[in-house]
């Protein structure tokens, strides 16, 4: 399945976004065909994060979207989520795999070829997310790695690699040409009204369907 499209929530609950807004965005993304939805709301305490995750699971019910929780295996298991996404500096994926049922998804963020090789060698991850590929407001001041580094990571492992950081409908073709399995994004979803999410998903999918003409 290519591309794999992952939505990451923008972490603005309680600041600039209501729970209803977040759930509506999750539902729109799920209905648009997004495969993975990562709940990344670090402002929330344990109880609220659990409640929001359960609402998002309900919002995606009946679609193919799978709900993941950012770096909180305990919350993911308590909520009945489909997986967990580990930060690059989080605990080993093997430790997670031994604690979950078959079919539970485990992803990990990586920032280099060495990170990717190490994560793949553990043998417990289902996918990797590499970035920051392009400049992005969610990581101000961080030098983008670029598509050449993304291509290096893709070649270094057989584990599917998703690009993150500044990915848009306009630059998705450059990501596709690296051989990446798909994209993971915040702004692509957060900066659009729910009715605009489907259009962006279509554009990204079309970019990956375009014949490779070289990067």
C-alpha atoms as a PDB file:
ATOM      1  CA  UNK A   1       0.000   0.000   0.000  1.00  0.00           C
ATOM      2  CA  UNK A   2       1.621   3.215  -1.165  1.00  0.00           C
ATOM      3  CA  UNK A   3       1.312   5.898  -0.132  1.00  0.00           C
ATOM      4  CA  UNK A   4       0.698   5.435   3.546  1.00  0.00           C
ATOM      5  CA  UNK A   5      -0.726   8.738   4.766  1.00  0.00           C
ATOM      6  CA  UNK A   6      -0.467   9.645   8.439  1.00  0.00           C
ATOM      7  CA  UNK A   7      -2.137  12.588  10.123  1.00  0.00           C
ATOM      8  CA  UNK A   8      -0.530  13.939  13.292  1.00  0.00           C
ATOM      9  CA  UNK A   9      -2.707  16.074  15.537  1.00  0.00           C
ATOM     10  CA  UNK A  10      -1.242  19.509  16.090  1.00  0.00           C
ATOM     11  CA  UNK A  11      -1.025  19.584  19.882  1.00  0.00           C
ATOM     12  CA  UNK A  12      -3.112  22.730  20.258  1.00  0.00           C
ATOM     13  CA  UNK A  13      -5.927  21.349  22.392  1.00  0.00           C
ATOM     14  CA  UNK A  14      -6.663  23.771  25.182  1.00  0.00           C
ATOM     15  CA  UNK A  15      -4.833  26.565  23.385  1.00  0.00           C
ATOM     16  CA  UNK A  16      -6.219  27.175  19.911  1.00  0.00           C
ATOM     17  CA  UNK A  17      -8.350  24.104  19.268  1.00  0.00           C
ATOM     18  CA  UNK A  18     -11.321  22.479  20.965  1.00  0.00           C
ATOM     19  CA  UNK A  19     -11.887  18.768  21.388  1.00  0.00           C
ATOM     20  CA  UNK A  20     -14.799  19.030  18.954  1.00  0.00           C
ATOM     21  CA  UNK A  21     -12.477  20.596  16.352  1.00  0.00           C
ATOM     22  CA  UNK A  22      -9.910  17.835  16.780  1.00  0.00           C
ATOM     23  CA  UNK A  23     -12.475  15.045  16.564  1.00  0.00           C
ATOM     24  CA  UNK A  24     -14.035  16.619  13.461  1.00  0.00           C
ATOM     25  CA  UNK A  25     -10.600  16.754  11.838  1.00  0.00           C
ATOM     26  CA  UNK A  26      -9.912  13.124  12.725  1.00  0.00           C
ATOM     27  CA  UNK A  27     -13.244  12.059  11.293  1.00  0.00           C
ATOM     28  CA  UNK A  28     -12.643  14.029   8.089  1.00  0.00           C
ATOM     29  CA  UNK A  29      -9.177  12.522   7.688  1.00  0.00           C
ATOM     30  CA  UNK A  30     -10.446   8.995   8.318  1.00  0.00           C
ATOM     31  CA  UNK A  31     -13.266   9.420   5.806  1.00  0.00           C
ATOM     32  CA  UNK A  32     -10.796  10.851   3.272  1.00  0.00           C
ATOM     33  CA  UNK A  33      -8.785   7.633   3.364  1.00  0.00           C
ATOM     34  CA  UNK A  34      -5.943   8.499   5.757  1.00  0.00           C
ATOM     35  CA  UNK A  35      -4.379   5.283   7.033  1.00  0.00           C
ATOM     36  CA  UNK A  36      -2.826   6.361  10.341  1.00  0.00           C
ATOM     37  CA  UNK A  37      -3.843   9.092  12.783  1.00  0.00           C
ATOM     38  CA  UNK A  38      -1.346   9.877  15.516  1.00  0.00           C
ATOM     39  CA  UNK A  39      -2.721  11.554  18.647  1.00  0.00           C
ATOM     40  CA  UNK A  40       0.048  13.906  19.722  1.00  0.00           C
ATOM     41  CA  UNK A  41      -1.354  16.147  22.451  1.00  0.00           C
ATOM     42  CA  UNK A  42       1.377  16.702  25.003  1.00  0.00           C
ATOM     43  CA  UNK A  43      -0.516  19.471  26.823  1.00  0.00           C
ATOM     44  CA  UNK A  44      -3.096  17.005  28.107  1.00  0.00           C
ATOM     45  CA  UNK A  45      -2.910  15.145  31.378  1.00  0.00           C
ATOM     46  CA  UNK A  46      -3.326  11.372  31.399  1.00  0.00           C
ATOM     47  CA  UNK A  47      -7.084  11.413  31.975  1.00  0.00           C
ATOM     48  CA  UNK A  48      -7.822  13.921  29.235  1.00  0.00           C
ATOM     49  CA  UNK A  49      -5.471  12.239  26.754  1.00  0.00           C
ATOM     50  CA  UNK A  50      -7.250   8.933  27.379  1.00  0.00           C
ATOM     51  CA  UNK A  51     -10.654  10.538  26.845  1.00  0.00           C
ATOM     52  CA  UNK A  52      -9.580  12.295  23.643  1.00  0.00           C
ATOM     53  CA  UNK A  53      -8.015   9.119  22.265  1.00  0.00           C
ATOM     54  CA  UNK A  54     -11.244   7.211  22.846  1.00  0.00           C
ATOM     55  CA  UNK A  55     -13.221   9.929  21.061  1.00  0.00           C
ATOM     56  CA  UNK A  56     -10.844   9.749  18.112  1.00  0.00           C
ATOM     57  CA  UNK A  57     -11.157   5.954  17.956  1.00  0.00           C
ATOM     58  CA  UNK A  58     -14.934   6.366  17.842  1.00  0.00           C
ATOM     59  CA  UNK A  59     -14.613   9.052  15.159  1.00  0.00           C
ATOM     60  CA  UNK A  60     -12.589   6.737  12.929  1.00  0.00           C
ATOM     61  CA  UNK A  61     -14.792   3.701  13.457  1.00  0.00           C
ATOM     62  CA  UNK A  62     -16.033   2.195  10.218  1.00  0.00           C
ATOM     63  CA  UNK A  63     -13.070   3.480   8.222  1.00  0.00           C
ATOM     64  CA  UNK A  64      -9.666   1.958   7.513  1.00  0.00           C
ATOM     65  CA  UNK A  65      -7.885   4.576   9.657  1.00  0.00           C
ATOM     66  CA  UNK A  66      -5.915   3.292  12.626  1.00  0.00           C
ATOM     67  CA  UNK A  67      -5.426   5.434  15.722  1.00  0.00           C
ATOM     68  CA  UNK A  68      -1.960   5.657  17.296  1.00  0.00           C
ATOM     69  CA  UNK A  69      -0.880   7.474  20.444  1.00  0.00           C
ATOM     70  CA  UNK A  70       2.371   9.409  20.534  1.00  0.00           C
ATOM     71  CA  UNK A  71       4.842   7.726  22.898  1.00  0.00           C
ATOM     72  CA  UNK A  72       2.211   6.681  25.465  1.00  0.00           C
ATOM     73  CA  UNK A  73       1.824   2.932  25.334  1.00  0.00           C
ATOM     74  CA  UNK A  74      -0.183   2.948  28.560  1.00  0.00           C
ATOM     75  CA  UNK A  75      -2.770   5.328  27.129  1.00  0.00           C
ATOM     76  CA  UNK A  76      -2.876   3.486  23.793  1.00  0.00           C
ATOM     77  CA  UNK A  77      -3.608   0.180  25.521  1.00  0.00           C
ATOM     78  CA  UNK A  78      -6.136   1.648  27.953  1.00  0.00           C
ATOM     79  CA  UNK A  79      -8.021   3.402  25.142  1.00  0.00           C
ATOM     80  CA  UNK A  80      -7.977   0.417  22.809  1.00  0.00           C
ATOM     81  CA  UNK A  81      -5.940   2.264  20.189  1.00  0.00           C
ATOM     82  CA  UNK A  82      -4.403   0.445  17.240  1.00  0.00           C
ATOM     83  CA  UNK A  83      -0.804   1.345  18.001  1.00  0.00           C
ATOM     84  CA  UNK A  84       1.821   3.646  19.432  1.00  0.00           C
ATOM     85  CA  UNK A  85       4.362   5.957  17.812  1.00  0.00           C
ATOM     86  CA  UNK A  86       7.689   6.140  19.647  1.00  0.00           C
ATOM     87  CA  UNK A  87       9.913   9.198  19.667  1.00  0.00           C
ATOM     88  CA  UNK A  88      13.490   8.766  18.501  1.00  0.00           C
ATOM     89  CA  UNK A  89      14.708   8.872  22.114  1.00  0.00           C
ATOM     90  CA  UNK A  90      11.973   6.654  23.540  1.00  0.00           C
ATOM     91  CA  UNK A  91      12.263   3.160  24.997  1.00  0.00           C
ATOM     92  CA  UNK A  92      13.130   0.193  22.754  1.00  0.00           C
ATOM     93  CA  UNK A  93      10.436  -1.053  20.402  1.00  0.00           C
ATOM     94  CA  UNK A  94      11.207  -4.630  21.477  1.00  0.00           C
ATOM     95  CA  UNK A  95      10.009  -3.777  24.960  1.00  0.00           C
ATOM     96  CA  UNK A  96       6.763  -2.492  23.482  1.00  0.00           C
ATOM     97  CA  UNK A  97       6.277  -5.464  21.172  1.00  0.00           C
ATOM     98  CA  UNK A  98       6.513  -7.923  24.048  1.00  0.00           C
ATOM     99  CA  UNK A  99       3.661  -6.140  25.832  1.00  0.00           C
ATOM    100  CA  UNK A 100       1.097  -5.928  23.021  1.00  0.00           C
ATOM    101  CA  UNK A 101      -1.115  -8.244  21.009  1.00  0.00           C
ATOM    102  CA  UNK A 102      -0.371  -9.265  17.411  1.00  0.00           C
ATOM    103  CA  UNK A 103      -1.422  -6.606  14.937  1.00  0.00           C
ATOM    104  CA  UNK A 104      -0.658  -3.707  17.271  1.00  0.00           C
ATOM    105  CA  UNK A 105       1.275  -1.104  15.264  1.00  0.00           C
ATOM    106  CA  UNK A 106       4.599   0.316  16.433  1.00  0.00           C
ATOM    107  CA  UNK A 107       6.276   3.218  14.673  1.00  0.00           C
ATOM    108  CA  UNK A 108       9.414   5.166  15.501  1.00  0.00           C
ATOM    109  CA  UNK A 109      10.820   8.547  14.570  1.00  0.00           C
ATOM    110  CA  UNK A 110      14.371   8.553  13.204  1.00  0.00           C
ATOM    111  CA  UNK A 111      16.684  11.399  12.283  1.00  0.00           C
ATOM    112  CA  UNK A 112      19.502   9.685  10.408  1.00  0.00           C
ATOM    113  CA  UNK A 113      20.538   6.597   8.466  1.00  0.00           C
ATOM    114  CA  UNK A 114      22.147   5.254  11.638  1.00  0.00           C
ATOM    115  CA  UNK A 115      18.901   5.714  13.582  1.00  0.00           C
ATOM    116  CA  UNK A 116      16.979   3.904  10.856  1.00  0.00           C
ATOM    117  CA  UNK A 117      19.375   0.961  10.748  1.00  0.00           C
ATOM    118  CA  UNK A 118      19.330   0.643  14.525  1.00  0.00           C
ATOM    119  CA  UNK A 119      15.519   0.753  14.682  1.00  0.00           C
ATOM    120  CA  UNK A 120      15.191  -1.780  11.876  1.00  0.00           C
ATOM    121  CA  UNK A 121      17.703  -4.099  13.532  1.00  0.00           C
ATOM    122  CA  UNK A 122      15.450  -4.324  16.592  1.00  0.00           C
ATOM    123  CA  UNK A 123      12.937  -6.074  14.366  1.00  0.00           C
ATOM    124  CA  UNK A 124       9.936  -4.741  16.261  1.00  0.00           C
ATOM    125  CA  UNK A 125       8.823  -1.663  14.298  1.00  0.00           C
ATOM    126  CA  UNK A 126       6.215  -1.575  11.535  1.00  0.00           C
ATOM    127  CA  UNK A 127       7.273   1.755  10.067  1.00  0.00           C
ATOM    128  CA  UNK A 128       9.713   4.629  10.527  1.00  0.00           C
ATOM    129  CA  UNK A 129       9.139   8.368  10.238  1.00  0.00           C
ATOM    130  CA  UNK A 130      12.110  10.425   9.035  1.00  0.00           C
ATOM    131  CA  UNK A 131      12.431  14.195   9.193  1.00  0.00           C
ATOM    132  CA  UNK A 132      12.394  17.044   9.254  1.00  0.00           C
ATOM    133  CA  UNK A 133      12.480  16.812   5.436  1.00  0.00           C
ATOM    134  CA  UNK A 134      11.305  20.338   4.535  1.00  0.00           C
ATOM    135  CA  UNK A 135      11.209  23.528   6.582  1.00  0.00           C
ATOM    136  CA  UNK A 136       8.178  23.603   8.855  1.00  0.00           C
ATOM    137  CA  UNK A 137       6.607  25.957  11.374  1.00  0.00           C
ATOM    138  CA  UNK A 138       6.129  23.046  13.789  1.00  0.00           C
ATOM    139  CA  UNK A 139       9.937  22.802  14.145  1.00  0.00           C
ATOM    140  CA  UNK A 140      11.081  26.433  13.900  1.00  0.00           C
ATOM    141  CA  UNK A 141      14.792  26.897  13.402  1.00  0.00           C
ATOM    142  CA  UNK A 142      15.484  23.271  12.525  1.00  0.00           C
ATOM    143  CA  UNK A 143      17.544  22.817   9.378  1.00  0.00           C
ATOM    144  CA  UNK A 144      15.589  20.589   6.987  1.00  0.00           C
ATOM    145  CA  UNK A 145      17.263  17.323   6.048  1.00  0.00           C
ATOM    146  CA  UNK A 146      16.000  17.416   2.455  1.00  0.00           C
ATOM    147  CA  UNK A 147      14.904  14.692   0.068  1.00  0.00           C
ATOM    148  CA  UNK A 148      18.451  13.419  -0.555  1.00  0.00           C
ATOM    149  CA  UNK A 149      18.764  12.424   3.114  1.00  0.00           C
ATOM    150  CA  UNK A 150      15.281  10.929   2.966  1.00  0.00           C
ATOM    151  CA  UNK A 151      16.331   8.797  -0.010  1.00  0.00           C
ATOM    152  CA  UNK A 152      19.425   7.639   1.918  1.00  0.00           C
ATOM    153  CA  UNK A 153      17.252   6.494   4.825  1.00  0.00           C
ATOM    154  CA  UNK A 154      14.817   4.724   2.494  1.00  0.00           C
ATOM    155  CA  UNK A 155      17.697   2.813   0.878  1.00  0.00           C
ATOM    156  CA  UNK A 156      19.190   1.883   4.251  1.00  0.00           C
ATOM    157  CA  UNK A 157      16.264  -0.231   5.453  1.00  0.00           C
ATOM    158  CA  UNK A 158      13.468  -2.468   4.260  1.00  0.00           C
ATOM    159  CA  UNK A 159      11.124  -1.015   6.890  1.00  0.00           C
ATOM    160  CA  UNK A 160       8.602   1.415   5.325  1.00  0.00           C
ATOM    161  CA  UNK A 161       9.704   5.034   5.771  1.00  0.00           C
ATOM    162  CA  UNK A 162       7.326   7.991   5.957  1.00  0.00           C
ATOM    163  CA  UNK A 163       8.534  11.549   5.400  1.00  0.00           C
ATOM    164  CA  UNK A 164       7.636  14.197   7.963  1.00  0.00           C
ATOM    165  CA  UNK A 165       8.214  17.925   8.180  1.00  0.00           C
ATOM    166  CA  UNK A 166       6.783  20.507   5.830  1.00  0.00           C
ATOM    167  CA  UNK A 167       5.179  17.955   3.530  1.00  0.00           C
ATOM    168  CA  UNK A 168       2.545  19.540   1.285  1.00  0.00           C
ATOM    169  CA  UNK A 169       0.440  18.517  -1.676  1.00  0.00           C
ATOM    170  CA  UNK A 170       2.905  20.489  -3.805  1.00  0.00           C
ATOM    171  CA  UNK A 171       6.116  18.751  -2.682  1.00  0.00           C
ATOM    172  CA  UNK A 172       4.660  15.253  -2.189  1.00  0.00           C
ATOM    173  CA  UNK A 173       5.955  14.205  -5.622  1.00  0.00           C
ATOM    174  CA  UNK A 174       9.532  14.890  -4.474  1.00  0.00           C
ATOM    175  CA  UNK A 175       8.905  12.606  -1.496  1.00  0.00           C
ATOM    176  CA  UNK A 176       7.432   9.903  -3.714  1.00  0.00           C
ATOM    177  CA  UNK A 177      10.477   9.963  -5.983  1.00  0.00           C
ATOM    178  CA  UNK A 178      12.734   8.929  -3.071  1.00  0.00           C
ATOM    179  CA  UNK A 179      10.943   5.604  -2.733  1.00  0.00           C
ATOM    180  CA  UNK A 180       9.414   6.568   0.626  1.00  0.00           C
ATOM    181  CA  UNK A 181       6.329   4.600   1.617  1.00  0.00           C
ATOM    182  CA  UNK A 182       4.322   7.727   2.316  1.00  0.00           C
ATOM    183  CA  UNK A 183       4.020  10.885   4.360  1.00  0.00           C
ATOM    184  CA  UNK A 184       3.267  11.974   7.887  1.00  0.00           C
ATOM    185  CA  UNK A 185       2.068  15.520   8.455  1.00  0.00           C
ATOM    186  CA  UNK A 186       0.583  18.053  10.825  1.00  0.00           C
ATOM    187  CA  UNK A 187       0.047  21.197   8.762  1.00  0.00           C
ATOM    188  CA  UNK A 188      -1.356  19.362   5.756  1.00  0.00           C
ATOM    189  CA  UNK A 189      -4.381  18.596   7.944  1.00  0.00           C
ATOM    190  CA  UNK A 190      -4.408  21.216  10.712  1.00  0.00           C
ATOM    191  CA  UNK A 191      -4.253  24.172   8.345  1.00  0.00           C
ATOM    192  CA  UNK A 192      -7.277  23.048   6.349  1.00  0.00           C
ATOM    193  CA  UNK A 193     -10.953  22.923   7.153  1.00  0.00           C
ATOM    194  CA  UNK A 194     -12.331  19.383   7.323  1.00  0.00           C
ATOM    195  CA  UNK A 195     -13.801  19.687   3.842  1.00  0.00           C
ATOM    196  CA  UNK A 196     -10.346  20.514   2.450  1.00  0.00           C
ATOM    197  CA  UNK A 197      -8.619  17.454   3.896  1.00  0.00           C
ATOM    198  CA  UNK A 198     -10.000  15.083   1.257  1.00  0.00           C
ATOM    199  CA  UNK A 199      -8.574  17.272  -1.502  1.00  0.00           C
ATOM    200  CA  UNK A 200      -5.104  17.172   0.029  1.00  0.00           C
ATOM    201  CA  UNK A 201      -5.263  13.394   0.474  1.00  0.00           C
ATOM    202  CA  UNK A 202      -6.197  13.067  -3.198  1.00  0.00           C
ATOM    203  CA  UNK A 203      -3.299  15.306  -4.259  1.00  0.00           C
ATOM    204  CA  UNK A 204      -0.778  13.321  -2.198  1.00  0.00           C
ATOM    205  CA  UNK A 205      -2.093  10.005  -3.502  1.00  0.00           C
ATOM    206  CA  UNK A 206      -1.898  11.297  -7.070  1.00  0.00           C
ATOM    207  CA  UNK A 207       1.706  12.384  -6.507  1.00  0.00           C
ATOM    208  CA  UNK A 208       2.680   8.857  -5.506  1.00  0.00           C
ATOM    209  CA  UNK A 209       0.822   7.462  -8.510  1.00  0.00           C
ATOM    210  CA  UNK A 210       2.830   9.689 -10.869  1.00  0.00           C
ATOM    211  CA  UNK A 211       5.535   7.799 -12.800  1.00  0.00           C
ATOM    212  CA  UNK A 212       9.002   8.360 -11.318  1.00  0.00           C
ATOM    213  CA  UNK A 213      10.928  10.818 -13.503  1.00  0.00           C
ATOM    214  CA  UNK A 214      13.845  11.187 -11.087  1.00  0.00           C
ATOM    215  CA  UNK A 215      14.340  13.688  -8.281  1.00  0.00           C
END
